[in-house]
Amino acid sequence: MENNRKAHRVRFEHKHIVSIMGVDGTWRRSCILIDASVTGAKLEVEGSTDPLKAQEFFLVLSSTGLAFRRCELIWVDGSHVGVQFVTAKTKAKTNAGKRLVSSQ
């Protein structure tokens, strides 16, 4: 997986405790930020990863909730998950892909 990354990842030596939260605020999970790049991150999730099936959620980087990124789930491997940060550009790609699939 490391070889096909488009953005340089920074791996953290110390545990960075963060949270993920549903976009509707109905669920929240504590997790550890393992590595991050401009485009995404790898997390170790505490507890069930079932809520992540929602595909989109917030990565809350600060205890006050003022630093966060909107994410979409890319992969799950046990308690580890890969997320892509959602931007206007990634949203446009996703919507274009959905239109292409639905028109076939």
PDB file of N, CA and C in Angstrom:
ATOM      1  N   MET A   1       0.814  -1.199   0.000  1.00  0.00           N
ATOM      2  CA  MET A   1       0.000   0.000   0.000  1.00  0.00           C
ATOM      3  C   MET A   1       0.861   1.268   0.000  1.00  0.00           C
ATOM      4  N   GLU A   2       1.994   1.212   0.695  1.00  0.00           N
ATOM      5  CA  GLU A   2       2.863   2.382   0.808  1.00  0.00           C
ATOM      6  C   GLU A   2       3.340   2.886  -0.555  1.00  0.00           C
ATOM      7  N   ASN A   3       3.582   1.978  -1.508  1.00  0.00           N
ATOM      8  CA  ASN A   3       4.183   2.357  -2.779  1.00  0.00           C
ATOM      9  C   ASN A   3       3.275   3.161  -3.690  1.00  0.00           C
ATOM     10  N   ASN A   4       1.956   3.019  -3.557  1.00  0.00           N
ATOM     11  CA  ASN A   4       1.073   3.738  -4.468  1.00  0.00           C
ATOM     12  C   ASN A   4       0.485   5.005  -3.847  1.00  0.00           C
ATOM     13  N   ARG A   5       1.091   5.520  -2.806  1.00  0.00           N
ATOM     14  CA  ARG A   5       0.629   6.763  -2.187  1.00  0.00           C
ATOM     15  C   ARG A   5       1.017   7.946  -3.062  1.00  0.00           C
ATOM     16  N   LYS A   6       0.097   8.894  -3.178  1.00  0.00           N
ATOM     17  CA  LYS A   6       0.360  10.081  -3.986  1.00  0.00           C
ATOM     18  C   LYS A   6       0.960  11.208  -3.154  1.00  0.00           C
ATOM     19  N   ALA A   7       0.709  11.184  -1.835  1.00  0.00           N
ATOM     20  CA  ALA A   7       1.198  12.244  -0.964  1.00  0.00           C
ATOM     21  C   ALA A   7       2.114  11.653   0.108  1.00  0.00           C
ATOM     22  N   HIS A   8       3.131  12.402   0.494  1.00  0.00           N
ATOM     23  CA  HIS A   8       4.066  11.977   1.535  1.00  0.00           C
ATOM     24  C   HIS A   8       3.337  11.864   2.866  1.00  0.00           C
ATOM     25  N   ARG A   9       3.531  10.766   3.559  1.00  0.00           N
ATOM     26  CA  ARG A   9       2.920  10.539   4.870  1.00  0.00           C
ATOM     27  C   ARG A   9       3.913  10.806   5.985  1.00  0.00           C
ATOM     28  N   VAL A  10       3.420  11.372   7.068  1.00  0.00           N
ATOM     29  CA  VAL A  10       4.218  11.582   8.271  1.00  0.00           C
ATOM     30  C   VAL A  10       3.737  10.574   9.303  1.00  0.00           C
ATOM     31  N   ARG A  11       4.646   9.726   9.774  1.00  0.00           N
ATOM     32  CA  ARG A  11       4.324   8.724  10.795  1.00  0.00           C
ATOM     33  C   ARG A  11       4.698   9.305  12.155  1.00  0.00           C
ATOM     34  N   PHE A  12       3.790   9.166  13.120  1.00  0.00           N
ATOM     35  CA  PHE A  12       4.002   9.738  14.445  1.00  0.00           C
ATOM     36  C   PHE A  12       4.650   8.725  15.376  1.00  0.00           C
ATOM     37  N   GLU A  13       5.672   9.161  16.104  1.00  0.00           N
ATOM     38  CA  GLU A  13       6.356   8.280  17.054  1.00  0.00           C
ATOM     39  C   GLU A  13       5.581   8.153  18.358  1.00  0.00           C
ATOM     40  N   HIS A  14       4.870   9.195  18.742  1.00  0.00           N
ATOM     41  CA  HIS A  14       4.089   9.189  19.974  1.00  0.00           C
ATOM     42  C   HIS A  14       2.615   9.074  19.628  1.00  0.00           C
ATOM     43  N   LYS A  15       1.839   8.524  20.555  1.00  0.00           N
ATOM     44  CA  LYS A  15       0.408   8.363  20.323  1.00  0.00           C
ATOM     45  C   LYS A  15      -0.281   9.730  20.288  1.00  0.00           C
ATOM     46  N   HIS A  16      -1.013   9.961  19.218  1.00  0.00           N
ATOM     47  CA  HIS A  16      -1.840  11.161  19.113  1.00  0.00           C
ATOM     48  C   HIS A  16      -3.286  10.706  19.188  1.00  0.00           C
ATOM     49  N   ILE A  17      -3.922  10.966  20.335  1.00  0.00           N
ATOM     50  CA  ILE A  17      -5.310  10.557  20.546  1.00  0.00           C
ATOM     51  C   ILE A  17      -6.214  11.581  19.873  1.00  0.00           C
ATOM     52  N   VAL A  18      -7.065  11.109  18.988  1.00  0.00           N
ATOM     53  CA  VAL A  18      -8.032  11.946  18.285  1.00  0.00           C
ATOM     54  C   VAL A  18      -9.383  11.236  18.346  1.00  0.00           C
ATOM     55  N   SER A  19     -10.387  11.807  17.736  1.00  0.00           N
ATOM     56  CA  SER A  19     -11.711  11.188  17.691  1.00  0.00           C
ATOM     57  C   SER A  19     -12.247  11.219  16.282  1.00  0.00           C
ATOM     58  N   ILE A  20     -13.135  10.286  15.998  1.00  0.00           N
ATOM     59  CA  ILE A  20     -13.923  10.364  14.773  1.00  0.00           C
ATOM     60  C   ILE A  20     -15.371  10.475  15.216  1.00  0.00           C
ATOM     61  N   MET A  21     -16.150  11.231  14.456  1.00  0.00           N
ATOM     62  CA  MET A  21     -17.532  11.505  14.834  1.00  0.00           C
ATOM     63  C   MET A  21     -18.406  11.513  13.593  1.00  0.00           C
ATOM     64  N   GLY A  22     -19.575  10.931  13.709  1.00  0.00           N
ATOM     65  CA  GLY A  22     -20.521  10.931  12.599  1.00  0.00           C
ATOM     66  C   GLY A  22     -20.886  12.345  12.195  1.00  0.00           C
ATOM     67  N   VAL A  23     -21.152  12.556  10.910  1.00  0.00           N
ATOM     68  CA  VAL A  23     -21.487  13.905  10.435  1.00  0.00           C
ATOM     69  C   VAL A  23     -22.760  14.427  11.086  1.00  0.00           C
ATOM     70  N   ASP A  24     -23.624  13.503  11.547  1.00  0.00           N
ATOM     71  CA  ASP A  24     -24.857  13.926  12.226  1.00  0.00           C
ATOM     72  C   ASP A  24     -24.673  14.019  13.740  1.00  0.00           C
ATOM     73  N   GLY A  25     -23.471  13.695  14.235  1.00  0.00           N
ATOM     74  CA  GLY A  25     -23.164  13.815  15.659  1.00  0.00           C
ATOM     75  C   GLY A  25     -23.720  12.702  16.523  1.00  0.00           C
ATOM     76  N   THR A  26     -24.271  11.649  15.942  1.00  0.00           N
ATOM     77  CA  THR A  26     -24.902  10.591  16.737  1.00  0.00           C
ATOM     78  C   THR A  26     -23.927   9.560  17.290  1.00  0.00           C
ATOM     79  N   TRP A  27     -22.692   9.535  16.813  1.00  0.00           N
ATOM     80  CA  TRP A  27     -21.707   8.600  17.346  1.00  0.00           C
ATOM     81  C   TRP A  27     -20.324   9.240  17.357  1.00  0.00           C
ATOM     82  N   ARG A  28     -19.485   8.700  18.220  1.00  0.00           N
ATOM     83  CA  ARG A  28     -18.113   9.193  18.356  1.00  0.00           C
ATOM     84  C   ARG A  28     -17.234   8.039  18.822  1.00  0.00           C
ATOM     85  N   ARG A  29     -16.021   7.929  18.300  1.00  0.00           N
ATOM     86  CA  ARG A  29     -15.062   6.893  18.685  1.00  0.00           C
ATOM     87  C   ARG A  29     -13.702   7.541  18.925  1.00  0.00           C
ATOM     88  N   SER A  30     -13.043   7.074  19.963  1.00  0.00           N
ATOM     89  CA  SER A  30     -11.673   7.503  20.212  1.00  0.00           C
ATOM     90  C   SER A  30     -10.764   6.695  19.296  1.00  0.00           C
ATOM     91  N   CYS A  31      -9.690   7.301  18.826  1.00  0.00           N
ATOM     92  CA  CYS A  31      -8.749   6.570  17.980  1.00  0.00           C
ATOM     93  C   CYS A  31      -7.360   7.201  18.077  1.00  0.00           C
ATOM     94  N   ILE A  32      -6.408   6.489  17.511  1.00  0.00           N
ATOM     95  CA  ILE A  32      -5.025   6.948  17.499  1.00  0.00           C
ATOM     96  C   ILE A  32      -4.664   7.293  16.063  1.00  0.00           C
ATOM     97  N   LEU A  33      -4.107   8.480  15.877  1.00  0.00           N
ATOM     98  CA  LEU A  33      -3.638   8.919  14.566  1.00  0.00           C
ATOM     99  C   LEU A  33      -2.262   8.307  14.348  1.00  0.00           C
ATOM    100  N   ILE A  34      -2.182   7.357  13.413  1.00  0.00           N
ATOM    101  CA  ILE A  34      -0.927   6.642  13.160  1.00  0.00           C
ATOM    102  C   ILE A  34      -0.043   7.411  12.193  1.00  0.00           C
ATOM    103  N   ASP A  35      -0.626   7.834  11.080  1.00  0.00           N
ATOM    104  CA  ASP A  35       0.105   8.675  10.137  1.00  0.00           C
ATOM    105  C   ASP A  35      -0.870   9.558   9.384  1.00  0.00           C
ATOM    106  N   ALA A  36      -0.329  10.588   8.743  1.00  0.00           N
ATOM    107  CA  ALA A  36      -1.187  11.537   8.034  1.00  0.00           C
ATOM    108  C   ALA A  36      -0.428  12.171   6.887  1.00  0.00           C
ATOM    109  N   SER A  37      -1.184  12.625   5.907  1.00  0.00           N
ATOM    110  CA  SER A  37      -0.627  13.369   4.783  1.00  0.00           C
ATOM    111  C   SER A  37      -1.590  14.512   4.487  1.00  0.00           C
ATOM    112  N   VAL A  38      -1.326  15.215   3.438  1.00  0.00           N
ATOM    113  CA  VAL A  38      -2.209  16.298   3.014  1.00  0.00           C
ATOM    114  C   VAL A  38      -3.569  15.728   2.590  1.00  0.00           C
ATOM    115  N   THR A  39      -3.576  14.507   2.063  1.00  0.00           N
ATOM    116  CA  THR A  39      -4.803  13.945   1.482  1.00  0.00           C
ATOM    117  C   THR A  39      -5.548  12.948   2.352  1.00  0.00           C
ATOM    118  N   GLY A  40      -4.901  12.411   3.411  1.00  0.00           N
ATOM    119  CA  GLY A  40      -5.586  11.403   4.208  1.00  0.00           C
ATOM    120  C   GLY A  40      -4.805  10.991   5.426  1.00  0.00           C
ATOM    121  N   ALA A  41      -5.291   9.911   6.089  1.00  0.00           N
ATOM    122  CA  ALA A  41      -4.658   9.454   7.323  1.00  0.00           C
ATOM    123  C   ALA A  41      -4.942   7.977   7.554  1.00  0.00           C
ATOM    124  N   LYS A  42      -4.128   7.397   8.429  1.00  0.00           N
ATOM    125  CA  LYS A  42      -4.343   6.032   8.897  1.00  0.00           C
ATOM    126  C   LYS A  42      -4.626   6.134  10.382  1.00  0.00           C
ATOM    127  N   LEU A  43      -5.692   5.469  10.829  1.00  0.00           N
ATOM    128  CA  LEU A  43      -6.126   5.540  12.218  1.00  0.00           C
ATOM    129  C   LEU A  43      -6.261   4.152  12.810  1.00  0.00           C
ATOM    130  N   GLU A  44      -6.065   4.057  14.125  1.00  0.00           N
ATOM    131  CA  GLU A  44      -6.390   2.846  14.862  1.00  0.00           C
ATOM    132  C   GLU A  44      -7.606   3.172  15.716  1.00  0.00           C
ATOM    133  N   VAL A  45      -8.716   2.519  15.421  1.00  0.00           N
ATOM    134  CA  VAL A  45     -10.000   2.833  16.061  1.00  0.00           C
ATOM    135  C   VAL A  45     -10.206   1.960  17.288  1.00  0.00           C
ATOM    136  N   GLU A  46     -10.637   2.578  18.382  1.00  0.00           N
ATOM    137  CA  GLU A  46     -10.993   1.834  19.588  1.00  0.00           C
ATOM    138  C   GLU A  46     -12.453   1.447  19.485  1.00  0.00           C
ATOM    139  N   GLY A  47     -12.755   0.188  19.743  1.00  0.00           N
ATOM    140  CA  GLY A  47     -14.137  -0.278  19.680  1.00  0.00           C
ATOM    141  C   GLY A  47     -14.538  -0.651  18.263  1.00  0.00           C
ATOM    142  N   SER A  48     -15.805  -0.759  18.056  1.00  0.00           N
ATOM    143  CA  SER A  48     -16.364  -1.221  16.783  1.00  0.00           C
ATOM    144  C   SER A  48     -16.129  -0.225  15.646  1.00  0.00           C
ATOM    145  N   THR A  49     -15.834  -0.770  14.469  1.00  0.00           N
ATOM    146  CA  THR A  49     -15.701   0.076  13.272  1.00  0.00           C
ATOM    147  C   THR A  49     -17.019   0.108  12.486  1.00  0.00           C
ATOM    148  N   ASP A  50     -18.074  -0.539  13.019  1.00  0.00           N
ATOM    149  CA  ASP A  50     -19.366  -0.581  12.324  1.00  0.00           C
ATOM    150  C   ASP A  50     -19.920   0.791  11.938  1.00  0.00           C
ATOM    151  N   PRO A  51     -19.855   1.802  12.831  1.00  0.00           N
ATOM    152  CA  PRO A  51     -20.392   3.116  12.442  1.00  0.00           C
ATOM    153  C   PRO A  51     -19.710   3.722  11.216  1.00  0.00           C
ATOM    154  N   LEU A  52     -18.482   3.271  10.929  1.00  0.00           N
ATOM    155  CA  LEU A  52     -17.747   3.821   9.797  1.00  0.00           C
ATOM    156  C   LEU A  52     -18.369   3.433   8.462  1.00  0.00           C
ATOM    157  N   LYS A  53     -19.292   2.473   8.485  1.00  0.00           N
ATOM    158  CA  LYS A  53     -19.963   2.074   7.251  1.00  0.00           C
ATOM    159  C   LYS A  53     -20.761   3.231   6.661  1.00  0.00           C
ATOM    160  N   ALA A  54     -20.944   4.283   7.453  1.00  0.00           N
ATOM    161  CA  ALA A  54     -21.607   5.495   6.966  1.00  0.00           C
ATOM    162  C   ALA A  54     -20.780   6.143   5.862  1.00  0.00           C
ATOM    163  N   GLN A  55     -19.520   5.732   5.756  1.00  0.00           N
ATOM    164  CA  GLN A  55     -18.576   6.192   4.740  1.00  0.00           C
ATOM    165  C   GLN A  55     -18.019   7.586   4.983  1.00  0.00           C
ATOM    166  N   GLU A  56     -18.791   8.518   5.519  1.00  0.00           N
ATOM    167  CA  GLU A  56     -18.289   9.871   5.744  1.00  0.00           C
ATOM    168  C   GLU A  56     -18.454  10.260   7.201  1.00  0.00           C
ATOM    169  N   PHE A  57     -17.432  10.917   7.751  1.00  0.00           N
ATOM    170  CA  PHE A  57     -17.443  11.310   9.156  1.00  0.00           C
ATOM    171  C   PHE A  57     -16.397  12.397   9.357  1.00  0.00           C
ATOM    172  N   PHE A  58     -16.311  12.918  10.583  1.00  0.00           N
ATOM    173  CA  PHE A  58     -15.317  13.936  10.913  1.00  0.00           C
ATOM    174  C   PHE A  58     -14.177  13.319  11.714  1.00  0.00           C
ATOM    175  N   LEU A  59     -12.948  13.720  11.388  1.00  0.00           N
ATOM    176  CA  LEU A  59     -11.778  13.411  12.195  1.00  0.00           C
ATOM    177  C   LEU A  59     -11.562  14.644  13.059  1.00  0.00           C
ATOM    178  N   VAL A  60     -11.777  14.505  14.372  1.00  0.00           N
ATOM    179  CA  VAL A  60     -11.670  15.629  15.305  1.00  0.00           C
ATOM    180  C   VAL A  60     -10.269  15.596  15.905  1.00  0.00           C
ATOM    181  N   LEU A  61      -9.485  16.613  15.594  1.00  0.00           N
ATOM    182  CA  LEU A  61      -8.067  16.634  15.953  1.00  0.00           C
ATOM    183  C   LEU A  61      -7.769  17.335  17.270  1.00  0.00           C
ATOM    184  N   SER A  62      -8.723  18.080  17.817  1.00  0.00           N
ATOM    185  CA  SER A  62      -8.483  18.808  19.063  1.00  0.00           C
ATOM    186  C   SER A  62      -9.573  18.481  20.079  1.00  0.00           C
ATOM    187  N   SER A  63      -9.247  18.641  21.341  1.00  0.00           N
ATOM    188  CA  SER A  63     -10.216  18.336  22.402  1.00  0.00           C
ATOM    189  C   SER A  63     -11.395  19.302  22.385  1.00  0.00           C
ATOM    190  N   THR A  64     -11.206  20.502  21.846  1.00  0.00           N
ATOM    191  CA  THR A  64     -12.294  21.474  21.791  1.00  0.00           C
ATOM    192  C   THR A  64     -13.174  21.283  20.552  1.00  0.00           C
ATOM    193  N   GLY A  65     -12.682  20.490  19.597  1.00  0.00           N
ATOM    194  CA  GLY A  65     -13.451  20.257  18.371  1.00  0.00           C
ATOM    195  C   GLY A  65     -13.259  21.335  17.320  1.00  0.00           C
ATOM    196  N   LEU A  66     -12.347  22.276  17.564  1.00  0.00           N
ATOM    197  CA  LEU A  66     -12.152  23.372  16.615  1.00  0.00           C
ATOM    198  C   LEU A  66     -11.268  22.987  15.434  1.00  0.00           C
ATOM    199  N   ALA A  67     -10.475  21.923  15.579  1.00  0.00           N
ATOM    200  CA  ALA A  67      -9.636  21.440  14.479  1.00  0.00           C
ATOM    201  C   ALA A  67     -10.194  20.092  14.030  1.00  0.00           C
ATOM    202  N   PHE A  68     -10.699  20.046  12.809  1.00  0.00           N
ATOM    203  CA  PHE A  68     -11.291  18.811  12.309  1.00  0.00           C
ATOM    204  C   PHE A  68     -11.183  18.752  10.797  1.00  0.00           C
ATOM    205  N   ARG A  69     -11.333  17.559  10.247  1.00  0.00           N
ATOM    206  CA  ARG A  69     -11.350  17.344   8.804  1.00  0.00           C
ATOM    207  C   ARG A  69     -12.499  16.410   8.478  1.00  0.00           C
ATOM    208  N   ARG A  70     -13.202  16.690   7.405  1.00  0.00           N
ATOM    209  CA  ARG A  70     -14.238  15.771   6.929  1.00  0.00           C
ATOM    210  C   ARG A  70     -13.522  14.657   6.170  1.00  0.00           C
ATOM    211  N   CYS A  71     -13.910  13.404   6.420  1.00  0.00           N
ATOM    212  CA  CYS A  71     -13.223  12.249   5.851  1.00  0.00           C
ATOM    213  C   CYS A  71     -14.206  11.297   5.196  1.00  0.00           C
ATOM    214  N   GLU A  72     -13.663  10.477   4.293  1.00  0.00           N
ATOM    215  CA  GLU A  72     -14.425   9.343   3.806  1.00  0.00           C
ATOM    216  C   GLU A  72     -13.574   8.102   3.982  1.00  0.00           C
ATOM    217  N   LEU A  73     -14.240   7.004   4.310  1.00  0.00           N
ATOM    218  CA  LEU A  73     -13.575   5.741   4.547  1.00  0.00           C
ATOM    219  C   LEU A  73     -13.055   5.174   3.236  1.00  0.00           C
ATOM    220  N   ILE A  74     -11.792   4.747   3.224  1.00  0.00           N
ATOM    221  CA  ILE A  74     -11.184   4.141   2.046  1.00  0.00           C
ATOM    222  C   ILE A  74     -11.009   2.644   2.252  1.00  0.00           C
ATOM    223  N   TRP A  75     -10.502   2.231   3.426  1.00  0.00           N
ATOM    224  CA  TRP A  75     -10.313   0.812   3.712  1.00  0.00           C
ATOM    225  C   TRP A  75     -10.380   0.536   5.207  1.00  0.00           C
ATOM    226  N   VAL A  76     -10.667  -0.736   5.554  1.00  0.00           N
ATOM    227  CA  VAL A  76     -10.683  -1.203   6.940  1.00  0.00           C
ATOM    228  C   VAL A  76      -9.874  -2.487   6.998  1.00  0.00           C
ATOM    229  N   ASP A  77      -8.987  -2.599   7.986  1.00  0.00           N
ATOM    230  CA  ASP A  77      -8.218  -3.821   8.222  1.00  0.00           C
ATOM    231  C   ASP A  77      -8.169  -4.026   9.730  1.00  0.00           C
ATOM    232  N   GLY A  78      -9.135  -4.767  10.252  1.00  0.00           N
ATOM    233  CA  GLY A  78      -9.240  -4.944  11.701  1.00  0.00           C
ATOM    234  C   GLY A  78      -9.584  -3.626  12.366  1.00  0.00           C
ATOM    235  N   SER A  79      -8.713  -3.179  13.290  1.00  0.00           N
ATOM    236  CA  SER A  79      -8.962  -1.910  13.980  1.00  0.00           C
ATOM    237  C   SER A  79      -8.327  -0.725  13.256  1.00  0.00           C
ATOM    238  N   HIS A  80      -7.586  -0.986  12.181  1.00  0.00           N
ATOM    239  CA  HIS A  80      -6.960   0.087  11.404  1.00  0.00           C
ATOM    240  C   HIS A  80      -7.848   0.487  10.232  1.00  0.00           C
ATOM    241  N   VAL A  81      -7.923   1.793  10.005  1.00  0.00           N
ATOM    242  CA  VAL A  81      -8.707   2.301   8.872  1.00  0.00           C
ATOM    243  C   VAL A  81      -7.901   3.352   8.123  1.00  0.00           C
ATOM    244  N   GLY A  82      -8.150   3.439   6.835  1.00  0.00           N
ATOM    245  CA  GLY A  82      -7.559   4.476   6.006  1.00  0.00           C
ATOM    246  C   GLY A  82      -8.647   5.436   5.586  1.00  0.00           C
ATOM    247  N   VAL A  83      -8.381   6.719   5.720  1.00  0.00           N
ATOM    248  CA  VAL A  83      -9.368   7.732   5.350  1.00  0.00           C
ATOM    249  C   VAL A  83      -8.765   8.726   4.371  1.00  0.00           C
ATOM    250  N   GLN A  84      -9.627   9.262   3.539  1.00  0.00           N
ATOM    251  CA  GLN A  84      -9.246  10.337   2.612  1.00  0.00           C
ATOM    252  C   GLN A  84      -9.967  11.587   3.076  1.00  0.00           C
ATOM    253  N   PHE A  85      -9.249  12.698   3.120  1.00  0.00           N
ATOM    254  CA  PHE A  85      -9.883  13.954   3.504  1.00  0.00           C
ATOM    255  C   PHE A  85     -10.755  14.446   2.361  1.00  0.00           C
ATOM    256  N   VAL A  86     -11.968  14.844   2.690  1.00  0.00           N
ATOM    257  CA  VAL A  86     -12.921  15.310   1.694  1.00  0.00           C
ATOM    258  C   VAL A  86     -12.709  16.797   1.457  1.00  0.00           C
ATOM    259  N   THR A  87     -12.472  17.136   0.203  1.00  0.00           N
ATOM    260  CA  THR A  87     -12.331  18.533  -0.206  1.00  0.00           C
ATOM    261  C   THR A  87     -13.288  18.760  -1.363  1.00  0.00           C
ATOM    262  N   ALA A  88     -13.388  19.976  -1.831  1.00  0.00           N
ATOM    263  CA  ALA A  88     -14.244  20.263  -2.989  1.00  0.00           C
ATOM    264  C   ALA A  88     -13.782  19.430  -4.185  1.00  0.00           C
ATOM    265  N   LYS A  89     -12.470  19.241  -4.320  1.00  0.00           N
ATOM    266  CA  LYS A  89     -11.921  18.471  -5.441  1.00  0.00           C
ATOM    267  C   LYS A  89     -12.288  16.991  -5.342  1.00  0.00           C
ATOM    268  N   THR A  90     -12.147  16.382  -4.131  1.00  0.00           N
ATOM    269  CA  THR A  90     -12.477  14.961  -3.983  1.00  0.00           C
ATOM    270  C   THR A  90     -13.972  14.748  -4.107  1.00  0.00           C
ATOM    271  N   LYS A  91     -14.777  15.716  -3.654  1.00  0.00           N
ATOM    272  CA  LYS A  91     -16.243  15.626  -3.787  1.00  0.00           C
ATOM    273  C   LYS A  91     -16.630  15.624  -5.256  1.00  0.00           C
ATOM    274  N   ALA A  92     -15.989  16.470  -6.060  1.00  0.00           N
ATOM    275  CA  ALA A  92     -16.283  16.553  -7.491  1.00  0.00           C
ATOM    276  C   ALA A  92     -15.951  15.232  -8.184  1.00  0.00           C
ATOM    277  N   LYS A  93     -14.810  14.615  -7.816  1.00  0.00           N
ATOM    278  CA  LYS A  93     -14.427  13.326  -8.394  1.00  0.00           C
ATOM    279  C   LYS A  93     -15.443  12.252  -8.032  1.00  0.00           C
ATOM    280  N   THR A  94     -15.861  12.213  -6.757  1.00  0.00           N
ATOM    281  CA  THR A  94     -16.831  11.223  -6.296  1.00  0.00           C
ATOM    282  C   THR A  94     -18.154  11.390  -7.026  1.00  0.00           C
ATOM    283  N   ASN A  95     -18.633  12.620  -7.144  1.00  0.00           N
ATOM    284  CA  ASN A  95     -19.899  12.873  -7.823  1.00  0.00           C
ATOM    285  C   ASN A  95     -19.814  12.534  -9.315  1.00  0.00           C
ATOM    286  N   ALA A  96     -18.683  12.822  -9.942  1.00  0.00           N
ATOM    287  CA  ALA A  96     -18.497  12.489 -11.349  1.00  0.00           C
ATOM    288  C   ALA A  96     -18.503  10.974 -11.540  1.00  0.00           C
ATOM    289  N   GLY A  97     -17.857  10.262 -10.629  1.00  0.00           N
ATOM    290  CA  GLY A  97     -17.837   8.797 -10.697  1.00  0.00           C
ATOM    291  C   GLY A  97     -19.215   8.204 -10.510  1.00  0.00           C
ATOM    292  N   LYS A  98     -20.000   8.762  -9.609  1.00  0.00           N
ATOM    293  CA  LYS A  98     -21.371   8.275  -9.384  1.00  0.00           C
ATOM    294  C   LYS A  98     -22.228   8.529 -10.612  1.00  0.00           C
ATOM    295  N   ARG A  99     -22.064   9.695 -11.246  1.00  0.00           N
ATOM    296  CA  ARG A  99     -22.851  10.002 -12.457  1.00  0.00           C
ATOM    297  C   ARG A  99     -22.480   9.039 -13.572  1.00  0.00           C
ATOM    298  N   LEU A 100     -21.183   8.735 -13.711  1.00  0.00           N
ATOM    299  CA  LEU A 100     -20.714   7.835 -14.752  1.00  0.00           C
ATOM    300  C   LEU A 100     -21.292   6.422 -14.546  1.00  0.00           C
ATOM    301  N   VAL A 101     -21.263   5.929 -13.305  1.00  0.00           N
ATOM    302  CA  VAL A 101     -21.788   4.600 -13.000  1.00  0.00           C
ATOM    303  C   VAL A 101     -23.290   4.543 -13.229  1.00  0.00           C
ATOM    304  N   SER A 102     -24.020   5.569 -12.804  1.00  0.00           N
ATOM    305  CA  SER A 102     -25.466   5.555 -12.933  1.00  0.00           C
ATOM    306  C   SER A 102     -25.934   5.731 -14.375  1.00  0.00           C
ATOM    307  N   SER A 103     -25.083   6.273 -15.246  1.00  0.00           N
ATOM    308  CA  SER A 103     -25.480   6.466 -16.640  1.00  0.00           C
ATOM    309  C   SER A 103     -25.216   5.228 -17.489  1.00  0.00           C
ATOM    310  N   GLN A 104     -24.545   4.225 -16.929  1.00  0.00           N
ATOM    311  CA  GLN A 104     -24.221   3.028 -17.708  1.00  0.00           C
ATOM    312  C   GLN A 104     -25.327   2.011 -17.673  1.00  0.00           C
TER     313      GLN A 104
END
